[in-house]
N, C-alpha and C. Protein backbone atom coordinates (compact mmCIF):
# COMPACT_ATOMS: atom_id res chain seq x y z
N MET A 1 0.08 20.49 -9.46
CA MET A 1 -0.19 19.33 -8.64
C MET A 1 -0.65 18.14 -9.48
N THR A 2 -1.37 18.40 -10.56
CA THR A 2 -1.81 17.27 -11.39
C THR A 2 -0.63 16.61 -12.08
N ALA A 3 0.34 17.41 -12.50
CA ALA A 3 1.53 16.83 -13.13
C ALA A 3 2.30 15.99 -12.12
N PHE A 4 2.39 16.49 -10.89
CA PHE A 4 3.07 15.73 -9.84
C PHE A 4 2.34 14.41 -9.57
N ALA A 5 1.02 14.45 -9.48
CA ALA A 5 0.24 13.24 -9.24
C ALA A 5 0.41 12.25 -10.39
N ASP A 6 0.42 12.74 -11.60
CA ASP A 6 0.61 11.85 -12.76
C ASP A 6 1.99 11.19 -12.73
N LEU A 7 3.01 11.97 -12.36
CA LEU A 7 4.35 11.40 -12.30
C LEU A 7 4.47 10.36 -11.18
N VAL A 8 3.83 10.61 -10.06
CA VAL A 8 3.86 9.64 -8.95
C VAL A 8 3.16 8.35 -9.38
N ARG A 9 2.03 8.48 -10.04
CA ARG A 9 1.33 7.28 -10.54
C ARG A 9 2.19 6.52 -11.56
N GLY A 10 2.86 7.24 -12.42
CA GLY A 10 3.73 6.61 -13.40
C GLY A 10 4.90 5.88 -12.75
N PHE A 11 5.46 6.46 -11.68
CA PHE A 11 6.55 5.79 -10.99
C PHE A 11 6.04 4.57 -10.23
N ALA A 12 4.83 4.65 -9.69
CA ALA A 12 4.25 3.51 -8.98
C ALA A 12 4.09 2.31 -9.91
N VAL A 13 3.77 2.56 -11.17
CA VAL A 13 3.65 1.47 -12.14
C VAL A 13 5.01 0.81 -12.36
N LEU A 14 6.07 1.60 -12.32
CA LEU A 14 7.42 1.06 -12.53
C LEU A 14 7.90 0.18 -11.37
N LEU A 15 7.29 0.32 -10.21
CA LEU A 15 7.76 -0.42 -9.04
C LEU A 15 7.47 -1.92 -9.11
N LYS A 16 6.59 -2.34 -9.99
CA LYS A 16 6.38 -3.76 -10.19
C LYS A 16 7.41 -4.24 -11.19
N PRO A 17 8.36 -5.11 -10.76
CA PRO A 17 9.45 -5.52 -11.66
C PRO A 17 8.95 -6.15 -12.95
N ALA A 18 9.46 -5.65 -14.07
CA ALA A 18 9.11 -6.19 -15.39
C ALA A 18 10.23 -5.84 -16.36
N ALA A 19 10.33 -6.64 -17.40
CA ALA A 19 11.32 -6.37 -18.43
C ALA A 19 10.95 -5.07 -19.14
N GLY A 20 11.93 -4.26 -19.44
CA GLY A 20 11.69 -3.00 -20.13
C GLY A 20 11.47 -1.82 -19.21
N ASN A 21 11.43 -2.05 -17.91
CA ASN A 21 11.23 -0.94 -16.99
C ASN A 21 12.42 0.01 -16.97
N ASP A 22 13.60 -0.47 -17.37
CA ASP A 22 14.76 0.43 -17.39
C ASP A 22 14.58 1.52 -18.45
N VAL A 23 13.99 1.16 -19.59
CA VAL A 23 13.73 2.15 -20.64
C VAL A 23 12.62 3.10 -20.19
N LYS A 24 11.60 2.53 -19.54
CA LYS A 24 10.50 3.37 -19.04
C LYS A 24 11.00 4.32 -17.95
N LEU A 25 11.98 3.87 -17.16
CA LEU A 25 12.53 4.74 -16.13
C LEU A 25 13.24 5.94 -16.76
N THR A 26 13.97 5.70 -17.83
CA THR A 26 14.64 6.80 -18.53
C THR A 26 13.61 7.81 -19.03
N GLU A 27 12.51 7.33 -19.58
CA GLU A 27 11.45 8.23 -20.05
C GLU A 27 10.81 8.97 -18.88
N TRP A 28 10.61 8.26 -17.76
CA TRP A 28 9.99 8.88 -16.59
C TRP A 28 10.90 9.99 -16.03
N ILE A 29 12.20 9.72 -15.99
CA ILE A 29 13.14 10.72 -15.49
C ILE A 29 13.11 11.98 -16.36
N ALA A 30 13.05 11.78 -17.67
CA ALA A 30 12.98 12.94 -18.58
C ALA A 30 11.70 13.73 -18.35
N ALA A 31 10.58 13.03 -18.17
CA ALA A 31 9.31 13.72 -17.91
C ALA A 31 9.34 14.45 -16.57
N ALA A 32 9.94 13.83 -15.55
CA ALA A 32 10.00 14.46 -14.22
C ALA A 32 10.90 15.69 -14.24
N ARG A 33 11.97 15.65 -15.00
CA ARG A 33 12.85 16.82 -15.07
C ARG A 33 12.20 17.96 -15.87
N ALA A 34 11.32 17.62 -16.79
CA ALA A 34 10.65 18.65 -17.57
C ALA A 34 9.67 19.45 -16.71
N VAL A 35 9.10 18.82 -15.70
CA VAL A 35 8.15 19.52 -14.82
C VAL A 35 8.87 20.49 -13.90
N ASP A 36 10.11 20.18 -13.52
CA ASP A 36 10.97 21.05 -12.72
C ASP A 36 10.40 21.32 -11.33
N LEU A 37 10.12 20.23 -10.60
CA LEU A 37 9.74 20.32 -9.19
C LEU A 37 10.96 19.91 -8.36
N PRO A 38 11.29 20.66 -7.30
CA PRO A 38 12.53 20.40 -6.55
C PRO A 38 12.63 18.98 -5.98
N HIS A 39 11.54 18.46 -5.42
CA HIS A 39 11.60 17.13 -4.82
C HIS A 39 11.78 16.05 -5.89
N LEU A 40 11.14 16.21 -7.00
CA LEU A 40 11.32 15.25 -8.09
C LEU A 40 12.72 15.36 -8.69
N ARG A 41 13.27 16.55 -8.72
CA ARG A 41 14.63 16.72 -9.22
C ARG A 41 15.60 15.96 -8.32
N SER A 42 15.38 16.04 -7.03
CA SER A 42 16.23 15.33 -6.08
C SER A 42 16.10 13.82 -6.26
N LEU A 43 14.89 13.32 -6.46
CA LEU A 43 14.68 11.89 -6.70
C LEU A 43 15.35 11.44 -7.99
N THR A 44 15.19 12.20 -9.04
CA THR A 44 15.79 11.81 -10.32
C THR A 44 17.32 11.84 -10.24
N ASN A 45 17.87 12.81 -9.51
CA ASN A 45 19.33 12.84 -9.33
C ASN A 45 19.81 11.60 -8.59
N GLY A 46 19.07 11.19 -7.56
CA GLY A 46 19.44 9.99 -6.81
C GLY A 46 19.34 8.74 -7.66
N LEU A 47 18.33 8.68 -8.51
CA LEU A 47 18.19 7.51 -9.39
C LEU A 47 19.32 7.47 -10.41
N GLU A 48 19.74 8.61 -10.89
CA GLU A 48 20.83 8.65 -11.86
C GLU A 48 22.17 8.30 -11.24
N ILE A 49 22.37 8.66 -9.98
CA ILE A 49 23.65 8.38 -9.32
C ILE A 49 23.87 6.87 -9.22
N ASP A 50 22.84 6.15 -8.85
CA ASP A 50 22.97 4.70 -8.69
C ASP A 50 22.07 4.00 -9.71
N ARG A 51 22.27 4.31 -10.96
CA ARG A 51 21.41 3.82 -12.03
C ARG A 51 21.41 2.29 -12.18
N PRO A 52 22.56 1.62 -12.10
CA PRO A 52 22.51 0.16 -12.23
C PRO A 52 21.65 -0.51 -11.16
N ALA A 53 21.72 -0.02 -9.94
CA ALA A 53 20.90 -0.59 -8.87
C ALA A 53 19.41 -0.30 -9.10
N ALA A 54 19.10 0.90 -9.58
CA ALA A 54 17.71 1.25 -9.86
C ALA A 54 17.16 0.38 -10.98
N ASP A 55 17.95 0.18 -12.03
CA ASP A 55 17.50 -0.68 -13.13
C ASP A 55 17.29 -2.12 -12.66
N ALA A 56 18.21 -2.61 -11.83
CA ALA A 56 18.07 -3.98 -11.33
C ALA A 56 16.83 -4.11 -10.45
N GLY A 57 16.57 -3.12 -9.62
CA GLY A 57 15.40 -3.17 -8.75
C GLY A 57 14.09 -3.12 -9.50
N LEU A 58 14.08 -2.48 -10.67
CA LEU A 58 12.84 -2.34 -11.42
C LEU A 58 12.65 -3.44 -12.46
N THR A 59 13.69 -4.21 -12.76
CA THR A 59 13.56 -5.22 -13.81
C THR A 59 13.69 -6.65 -13.30
N LEU A 60 14.46 -6.88 -12.25
CA LEU A 60 14.68 -8.24 -11.77
C LEU A 60 13.58 -8.67 -10.79
N PRO A 61 13.21 -9.95 -10.81
CA PRO A 61 12.12 -10.41 -9.94
C PRO A 61 12.56 -10.71 -8.51
N TYR A 62 13.81 -10.50 -8.17
CA TYR A 62 14.31 -10.86 -6.85
C TYR A 62 13.97 -9.78 -5.83
N GLN A 63 13.69 -10.22 -4.58
CA GLN A 63 13.38 -9.28 -3.52
C GLN A 63 14.15 -9.69 -2.27
N ASN A 64 14.34 -8.77 -1.36
CA ASN A 64 14.99 -9.09 -0.10
C ASN A 64 14.06 -8.84 1.07
N GLY A 65 12.77 -8.99 0.87
CA GLY A 65 11.79 -8.75 1.92
C GLY A 65 11.94 -9.69 3.10
N ARG A 66 12.17 -10.97 2.84
CA ARG A 66 12.33 -11.93 3.95
C ARG A 66 13.57 -11.60 4.77
N THR A 67 14.64 -11.25 4.11
CA THR A 67 15.86 -10.91 4.82
C THR A 67 15.65 -9.68 5.70
N GLU A 68 14.97 -8.68 5.16
CA GLU A 68 14.71 -7.47 5.94
C GLU A 68 13.83 -7.79 7.14
N GLY A 69 12.86 -8.69 6.97
CA GLY A 69 12.00 -9.08 8.09
C GLY A 69 12.78 -9.78 9.18
N VAL A 70 13.71 -10.64 8.77
CA VAL A 70 14.53 -11.35 9.75
C VAL A 70 15.43 -10.37 10.50
N ASN A 71 15.92 -9.36 9.83
CA ASN A 71 16.76 -8.36 10.49
C ASN A 71 15.96 -7.41 11.37
N THR A 72 14.73 -7.13 11.01
CA THR A 72 13.92 -6.18 11.74
C THR A 72 13.41 -6.75 13.05
N ARG A 73 13.11 -8.03 13.09
CA ARG A 73 12.53 -8.65 14.29
C ARG A 73 13.42 -8.50 15.53
N PRO A 74 14.70 -8.87 15.47
CA PRO A 74 15.53 -8.68 16.66
C PRO A 74 15.67 -7.21 17.07
N LYS A 75 15.70 -6.31 16.10
CA LYS A 75 15.79 -4.89 16.43
C LYS A 75 14.54 -4.44 17.18
N ARG A 76 13.38 -4.90 16.73
CA ARG A 76 12.12 -4.54 17.38
C ARG A 76 12.11 -5.07 18.81
N ILE A 77 12.53 -6.32 19.00
CA ILE A 77 12.55 -6.92 20.33
C ILE A 77 13.51 -6.15 21.24
N MET A 78 14.68 -5.77 20.73
CA MET A 78 15.64 -5.02 21.54
C MET A 78 15.06 -3.67 21.94
N ARG A 79 14.35 -3.01 21.04
CA ARG A 79 13.74 -1.72 21.39
C ARG A 79 12.68 -1.89 22.47
N GLN A 80 11.90 -2.97 22.38
CA GLN A 80 10.86 -3.21 23.38
C GLN A 80 11.47 -3.48 24.76
N MET A 81 12.62 -4.12 24.80
CA MET A 81 13.23 -4.53 26.06
C MET A 81 14.27 -3.55 26.57
N HIS A 82 14.44 -2.44 25.92
CA HIS A 82 15.51 -1.51 26.26
C HIS A 82 15.52 -1.18 27.76
N GLY A 83 16.62 -1.53 28.43
CA GLY A 83 16.79 -1.20 29.83
C GLY A 83 16.03 -2.08 30.80
N ARG A 84 15.39 -3.14 30.34
CA ARG A 84 14.55 -3.94 31.22
C ARG A 84 15.18 -5.24 31.67
N ALA A 85 16.06 -5.80 30.86
CA ALA A 85 16.58 -7.12 31.21
C ALA A 85 17.97 -7.30 30.62
N ALA A 86 18.56 -8.42 30.98
CA ALA A 86 19.90 -8.72 30.52
C ALA A 86 19.85 -9.46 29.18
N PHE A 87 21.03 -9.79 28.69
CA PHE A 87 21.15 -10.45 27.40
C PHE A 87 20.47 -11.82 27.40
N ASP A 88 20.42 -12.52 28.53
CA ASP A 88 19.82 -13.85 28.58
C ASP A 88 18.34 -13.81 28.19
N LEU A 89 17.61 -12.84 28.67
CA LEU A 89 16.19 -12.74 28.31
C LEU A 89 16.03 -12.37 26.84
N LEU A 90 16.87 -11.48 26.34
CA LEU A 90 16.83 -11.13 24.92
C LEU A 90 17.08 -12.36 24.06
N ARG A 91 18.08 -13.13 24.42
CA ARG A 91 18.39 -14.36 23.69
C ARG A 91 17.20 -15.32 23.73
N HIS A 92 16.57 -15.46 24.87
CA HIS A 92 15.41 -16.33 25.01
C HIS A 92 14.26 -15.87 24.12
N ARG A 93 14.00 -14.58 24.06
CA ARG A 93 12.89 -14.06 23.25
C ARG A 93 13.16 -14.21 21.76
N ILE A 94 14.43 -14.14 21.36
CA ILE A 94 14.74 -14.27 19.93
C ILE A 94 14.70 -15.73 19.51
N LEU A 95 15.24 -16.62 20.30
CA LEU A 95 15.32 -18.02 19.92
C LEU A 95 14.02 -18.77 20.12
N LEU A 96 13.19 -18.36 21.07
CA LEU A 96 11.93 -19.04 21.35
C LEU A 96 10.77 -18.08 21.18
N PRO A 97 10.30 -17.92 19.95
CA PRO A 97 9.23 -16.91 19.74
C PRO A 97 7.98 -17.28 20.39
């Protein structure tokens, strides 16, 4: 469990975008595979499958948080109104917050 906790802390440090995190990710993946925990093996396999995206996410300063928030708001409103009203009320709630 201590090795797992150390690896999780090490990965958390990588989540703040910085130059050189791609090299640190390679080192982290090697360390995680050495411990041989099934869940970490699954995570490392997923990171290796889409390695360019993982490297970009850990090194580039760009984020899509605002876009995700804009997409999430109408979904939340639709869930709240499910079965209660017609499209006109949904449109009113989205356009006039």
